[in-house]
């Protein structure tokens, strides 16, 4: 995931309303979201190169998502895959805070943000700060820095999400539209993360399109107070915003 925006315990009747874009190289093999054959209670997409996922939900009430913390100067190409952190949490019996506390050598991974929640609590952890923070009720966003770091697309996504919430318009159509924002920003508003200036500008958009890398899918996850879950994933043809596949799932926590 490279952009997540969500409202946690802010909309009456909903525990979580969550919208996210996954950005990745177009040639990285991926399987669309489904209940995994080896674990019928876990719903997630699958990275077929490393075997993990970037976003998932478990019938037990657990949900989790991960973004990379971008700093190419410290990137280790031989580091362990971060996507396994999501599946390990979803398949655990641990409360989210306990799971995050028990992570083994998190500094051995390349930088990441991990969001992990259940029926009662919701936490954020980054191995670049090594801090576990309980997510407070409100509107939040995570890209490739710490949660709520005011990168332009983070600030814009939170602003649009807030407007939709105030107008009682947080429906799937409007959330997918929010995620399709292709606006880029001037260099003086952007971070320096080791990318070229041209690439830094290209990835400043919520919806990214470059020659080899961009937004692969968008996902909406809604969790009601009664445990009813709605999960919708749109997969795009590489380099376009043309929907290639859409998958929707409705179920209740056990």
Protein backbone atom coordinates (compact mmCIF):
# COMPACT_ATOMS: atom_id res chain seq x y z
CA UNK A 1 0.00 0.00 0.00
CA UNK A 2 1.19 3.50 -0.74
CA UNK A 3 -1.82 5.55 0.31
CA UNK A 4 -4.33 4.71 3.00
CA UNK A 5 -7.02 7.06 4.28
CA UNK A 6 -9.57 6.00 6.85
CA UNK A 7 -12.10 7.07 9.42
CA UNK A 8 -11.89 5.17 12.69
CA UNK A 9 -14.94 5.33 14.97
CA UNK A 10 -16.04 8.62 13.38
CA UNK A 11 -19.11 7.61 11.38
CA UNK A 12 -22.21 6.42 13.29
CA UNK A 13 -22.71 2.70 12.83
CA UNK A 14 -19.18 2.05 11.54
CA UNK A 15 -16.05 0.99 13.37
CA UNK A 16 -13.92 1.62 10.30
CA UNK A 17 -14.26 3.09 6.83
CA UNK A 18 -11.00 2.47 4.99
CA UNK A 19 -9.77 3.28 1.47
CA UNK A 20 -6.38 2.36 0.07
CA UNK A 21 -4.23 2.22 -3.06
CA UNK A 22 -1.58 -0.41 -3.55
CA UNK A 23 1.33 0.83 -5.68
CA UNK A 24 3.80 -1.67 -7.07
CA UNK A 25 5.88 -2.56 -10.12
CA UNK A 26 3.59 -3.73 -12.91
CA UNK A 27 5.58 -6.92 -13.47
CA UNK A 28 5.37 -8.15 -9.87
CA UNK A 29 3.03 -11.18 -9.90
CA UNK A 30 -0.07 -10.74 -7.77
CA UNK A 31 -3.23 -12.64 -6.98
CA UNK A 32 -6.47 -10.74 -6.46
CA UNK A 33 -8.22 -10.69 -3.09
CA UNK A 34 -9.97 -13.87 -2.03
CA UNK A 35 -10.31 -16.17 0.95
CA UNK A 36 -7.08 -18.13 0.84
CA UNK A 37 -7.51 -21.88 0.14
CA UNK A 38 -5.05 -22.69 2.92
CA UNK A 39 -6.93 -20.43 5.35
CA UNK A 40 -10.61 -20.01 4.57
CA UNK A 41 -11.03 -17.33 7.25
CA UNK A 42 -8.50 -14.85 5.79
CA UNK A 43 -9.44 -12.49 2.96
CA UNK A 44 -6.53 -10.78 1.21
CA UNK A 45 -4.70 -10.31 -2.02
CA UNK A 46 -1.43 -12.19 -2.40
CA UNK A 47 2.03 -11.17 -3.51
CA UNK A 48 3.04 -14.21 -5.55
CA UNK A 49 6.73 -13.32 -5.43
CA UNK A 50 7.12 -13.38 -1.63
CA UNK A 51 3.83 -14.93 -0.50
CA UNK A 52 2.57 -12.20 1.81
CA UNK A 53 -0.03 -9.46 1.47
CA UNK A 54 -0.47 -5.72 1.91
CA UNK A 55 -4.03 -5.69 3.26
CA UNK A 56 -6.29 -8.30 4.76
CA UNK A 57 -9.11 -9.10 7.13
CA UNK A 58 -9.86 -12.25 9.13
CA UNK A 59 -13.25 -13.57 10.16
CA UNK A 60 -12.03 -13.49 13.78
CA UNK A 61 -12.25 -9.68 13.67
CA UNK A 62 -8.63 -8.88 12.88
CA UNK A 63 -7.62 -6.55 10.07
CA UNK A 64 -4.26 -5.19 9.00
CA UNK A 65 -2.52 -3.16 6.32
CA UNK A 66 1.05 -2.27 5.49
CA UNK A 67 2.85 0.50 3.62
CA UNK A 68 6.52 0.83 2.83
CA UNK A 69 8.45 3.59 4.60
CA UNK A 70 10.33 5.06 1.66
CA UNK A 71 14.03 5.81 2.04
CA UNK A 72 16.07 4.46 -0.84
CA UNK A 73 19.33 5.43 0.90
CA UNK A 74 18.76 2.73 3.54
CA UNK A 75 16.97 0.17 1.37
CA UNK A 76 18.30 -3.39 1.68
CA UNK A 77 17.40 -5.55 -1.34
CA UNK A 78 18.07 -8.70 0.70
CA UNK A 79 15.76 -7.84 3.60
CA UNK A 80 12.86 -10.12 4.53
CA UNK A 81 9.49 -9.52 2.91
CA UNK A 82 7.29 -7.19 4.93
CA UNK A 83 4.05 -8.68 3.60
CA UNK A 84 4.35 -11.67 5.92
CA UNK A 85 3.83 -9.37 8.89
CA UNK A 86 0.21 -8.87 7.82
CA UNK A 87 -0.56 -12.55 7.36
CA UNK A 88 1.20 -13.49 10.60
CA UNK A 89 -0.93 -11.04 12.55
CA UNK A 90 -4.19 -12.03 10.87
CA UNK A 91 -3.55 -15.69 11.62
CA UNK A 92 -2.39 -15.15 15.18
CA UNK A 93 -4.37 -15.38 18.41
CA UNK A 94 -2.75 -12.21 19.75
CA UNK A 95 -4.29 -8.86 20.48
CA UNK A 96 -2.84 -6.26 18.10
CA UNK A 97 -0.67 -4.48 20.66
CA UNK A 98 0.72 -7.78 21.96
CA UNK A 99 1.53 -8.90 18.43
CA UNK A 100 3.37 -5.67 17.66
CA UNK A 101 5.34 -5.93 20.90
CA UNK A 102 6.37 -9.47 20.02
CA UNK A 103 7.78 -8.71 16.56
CA UNK A 104 11.16 -10.36 16.17
CA UNK A 105 13.89 -7.97 15.00
CA UNK A 106 11.60 -5.51 13.17
CA UNK A 107 14.65 -3.40 12.36
CA UNK A 108 15.84 -6.19 10.05
CA UNK A 109 13.08 -5.32 7.58
CA UNK A 110 13.12 -2.40 5.20
CA UNK A 111 11.04 0.48 6.51
CA UNK A 112 7.34 -0.10 7.02
CA UNK A 113 4.14 1.11 8.64
CA UNK A 114 1.89 -1.61 10.00
CA UNK A 115 -1.73 -0.98 10.98
CA UNK A 116 -3.26 -3.78 13.06
CA UNK A 117 -6.72 -3.86 14.61
CA UNK A 118 -9.38 -6.13 16.01
CA UNK A 119 -12.89 -5.81 17.42
CA UNK A 120 -11.69 -3.59 20.25
CA UNK A 121 -8.44 -1.80 19.47
CA UNK A 122 -6.45 -0.38 16.56
CA UNK A 123 -2.69 0.31 16.53
CA UNK A 124 0.05 1.72 14.31
CA UNK A 125 3.68 0.65 14.37
CA UNK A 126 6.65 1.73 12.28
CA UNK A 127 10.04 0.10 12.48
CA UNK A 128 11.57 3.51 11.77
CA UNK A 129 10.32 4.98 15.05
CA UNK A 130 9.93 1.65 16.90
CA UNK A 131 6.83 3.13 18.55
CA UNK A 132 3.46 1.43 19.01
CA UNK A 133 0.67 3.99 18.96
CA UNK A 134 -3.03 3.37 19.55
CA UNK A 135 -5.01 4.94 16.72
CA UNK A 136 -7.44 7.48 18.18
CA UNK A 137 -10.92 8.02 16.75
CA UNK A 138 -10.73 10.35 13.78
CA UNK A 139 -9.65 10.65 10.16
CA UNK A 140 -6.12 9.45 9.43
CA UNK A 141 -3.89 8.76 6.47
CA UNK A 142 -0.67 6.82 5.87
CA UNK A 143 1.59 6.91 2.85
CA UNK A 144 5.32 6.14 2.82
CA UNK A 145 6.24 8.07 5.96
CA UNK A 146 4.83 8.09 9.49
CA UNK A 147 1.06 8.13 9.89
CA UNK A 148 -0.41 11.59 9.21
CA UNK A 149 2.89 13.01 7.94
CA UNK A 150 1.61 15.99 5.92
CA UNK A 151 2.75 14.95 2.46
CA UNK A 152 0.48 16.73 -0.06
CA UNK A 153 -1.47 13.62 -1.10
CA UNK A 154 -1.97 12.64 2.53
CA UNK A 155 -3.31 16.07 3.42
CA UNK A 156 -5.54 16.12 0.33
CA UNK A 157 -6.92 12.63 0.96
CA UNK A 158 -7.81 13.50 4.56
CA UNK A 159 -9.46 16.75 3.42
CA UNK A 160 -11.58 14.96 0.81
CA UNK A 161 -12.49 12.17 3.22
CA UNK A 162 -13.56 14.73 5.85
CA UNK A 163 -15.74 16.57 3.30
CA UNK A 164 -17.43 13.32 2.28
CA UNK A 165 -18.04 12.43 5.93
CA UNK A 166 -19.55 15.86 6.68
CA UNK A 167 -21.84 15.52 3.66
CA UNK A 168 -22.86 11.96 4.54
CA UNK A 169 -21.34 10.86 1.22
CA UNK A 170 -18.80 8.22 2.24
CA UNK A 171 -20.10 5.73 -0.28
CA UNK A 172 -18.05 3.35 -2.41
CA UNK A 173 -18.36 5.46 -5.57
CA UNK A 174 -16.97 8.58 -3.90
CA UNK A 175 -14.19 6.73 -2.07
CA UNK A 176 -12.96 5.11 -5.27
CA UNK A 177 -13.07 8.54 -6.91
CA UNK A 178 -10.95 9.95 -4.07
CA UNK A 179 -8.36 7.21 -4.71
CA UNK A 180 -8.24 8.05 -8.44
CA UNK A 181 -6.79 11.54 -7.88
CA UNK A 182 -3.86 11.90 -10.32
CA UNK A 183 -2.77 15.36 -9.21
CA UNK A 184 0.97 15.76 -8.69
CA UNK A 185 2.67 18.46 -6.65
CA UNK A 186 5.60 20.88 -7.10
CA UNK A 187 9.03 19.82 -5.91
CA UNK A 188 9.18 22.35 -3.08
CA UNK A 189 6.23 20.57 -1.41
CA UNK A 190 7.71 17.08 -1.70
CA UNK A 191 10.03 15.02 0.49
CA UNK A 192 13.45 13.75 -0.54
CA UNK A 193 13.38 9.98 -0.23
CA UNK A 194 16.17 9.00 -2.63
CA UNK A 195 14.11 9.07 -5.82
CA UNK A 196 14.92 11.31 -8.76
CA UNK A 197 13.02 14.62 -8.72
CA UNK A 198 10.95 13.43 -11.68
CA UNK A 199 9.97 10.19 -9.97
CA UNK A 200 9.33 11.93 -6.64
CA UNK A 201 6.84 14.16 -8.46
CA UNK A 202 5.23 11.21 -10.27
CA UNK A 203 4.62 9.29 -7.04
CA UNK A 204 3.24 12.36 -5.27
CA UNK A 205 -0.16 11.55 -6.81
CA UNK A 206 -2.70 9.45 -4.97
CA UNK A 207 -3.12 7.37 -8.13
CA UNK A 208 0.28 6.73 -9.69
CA UNK A 209 1.01 6.03 -13.36
CA UNK A 210 4.58 5.67 -14.64
CA UNK A 211 6.17 3.45 -17.27
CA UNK A 212 6.96 0.53 -14.95
CA UNK A 213 5.35 1.34 -11.60
CA UNK A 214 2.01 2.57 -10.39
CA UNK A 215 -1.28 1.90 -8.67
CA UNK A 216 -2.20 -1.74 -9.14
CA UNK A 217 -5.43 -1.84 -7.15
CA UNK A 218 -7.76 0.17 -4.93
CA UNK A 219 -9.62 -1.31 -1.98
CA UNK A 220 -12.51 -0.17 0.19
CA UNK A 221 -12.99 -1.89 3.55
CA UNK A 222 -16.00 -1.05 5.70
CA UNK A 223 -16.53 -2.60 9.13
CA UNK A 224 -19.79 -1.88 10.90
CA UNK A 225 -20.22 -1.76 14.65
CA UNK A 226 -22.17 -5.03 14.46
CA UNK A 227 -19.21 -6.80 12.81
CA UNK A 228 -20.61 -6.77 9.28
CA UNK A 229 -17.81 -6.40 6.71
CA UNK A 230 -17.84 -5.07 3.15
CA UNK A 231 -14.60 -5.51 1.14
CA UNK A 232 -14.29 -4.31 -2.47
CA UNK A 233 -11.16 -4.45 -4.60
CA UNK A 234 -10.63 -2.92 -8.04
CA UNK A 235 -7.65 -4.11 -10.06
CA UNK A 236 -6.40 -1.87 -12.86
CA UNK A 237 -4.80 -2.64 -16.18
CA UNK A 238 -1.11 -1.72 -15.79
CA UNK A 239 -0.41 1.94 -16.42
CA UNK A 240 -4.10 2.89 -16.63
CA UNK A 241 -7.10 3.53 -14.42
CA UNK A 242 -9.16 1.08 -16.46
CA UNK A 243 -10.70 -1.52 -14.18
CA UNK A 244 -9.57 -5.00 -15.20
CA UNK A 245 -11.27 -6.90 -12.38
CA UNK A 246 -13.51 -6.13 -9.42
CA UNK A 247 -14.07 -8.38 -6.41
CA UNK A 248 -16.59 -7.82 -3.63
CA UNK A 249 -17.13 -9.72 -0.39
CA UNK A 250 -19.74 -9.35 2.32
CA UNK A 251 -19.54 -11.32 5.55
CA UNK A 252 -19.70 -11.03 9.33
CA UNK A 253 -17.04 -11.56 11.96
CA UNK A 254 -17.35 -14.79 13.88
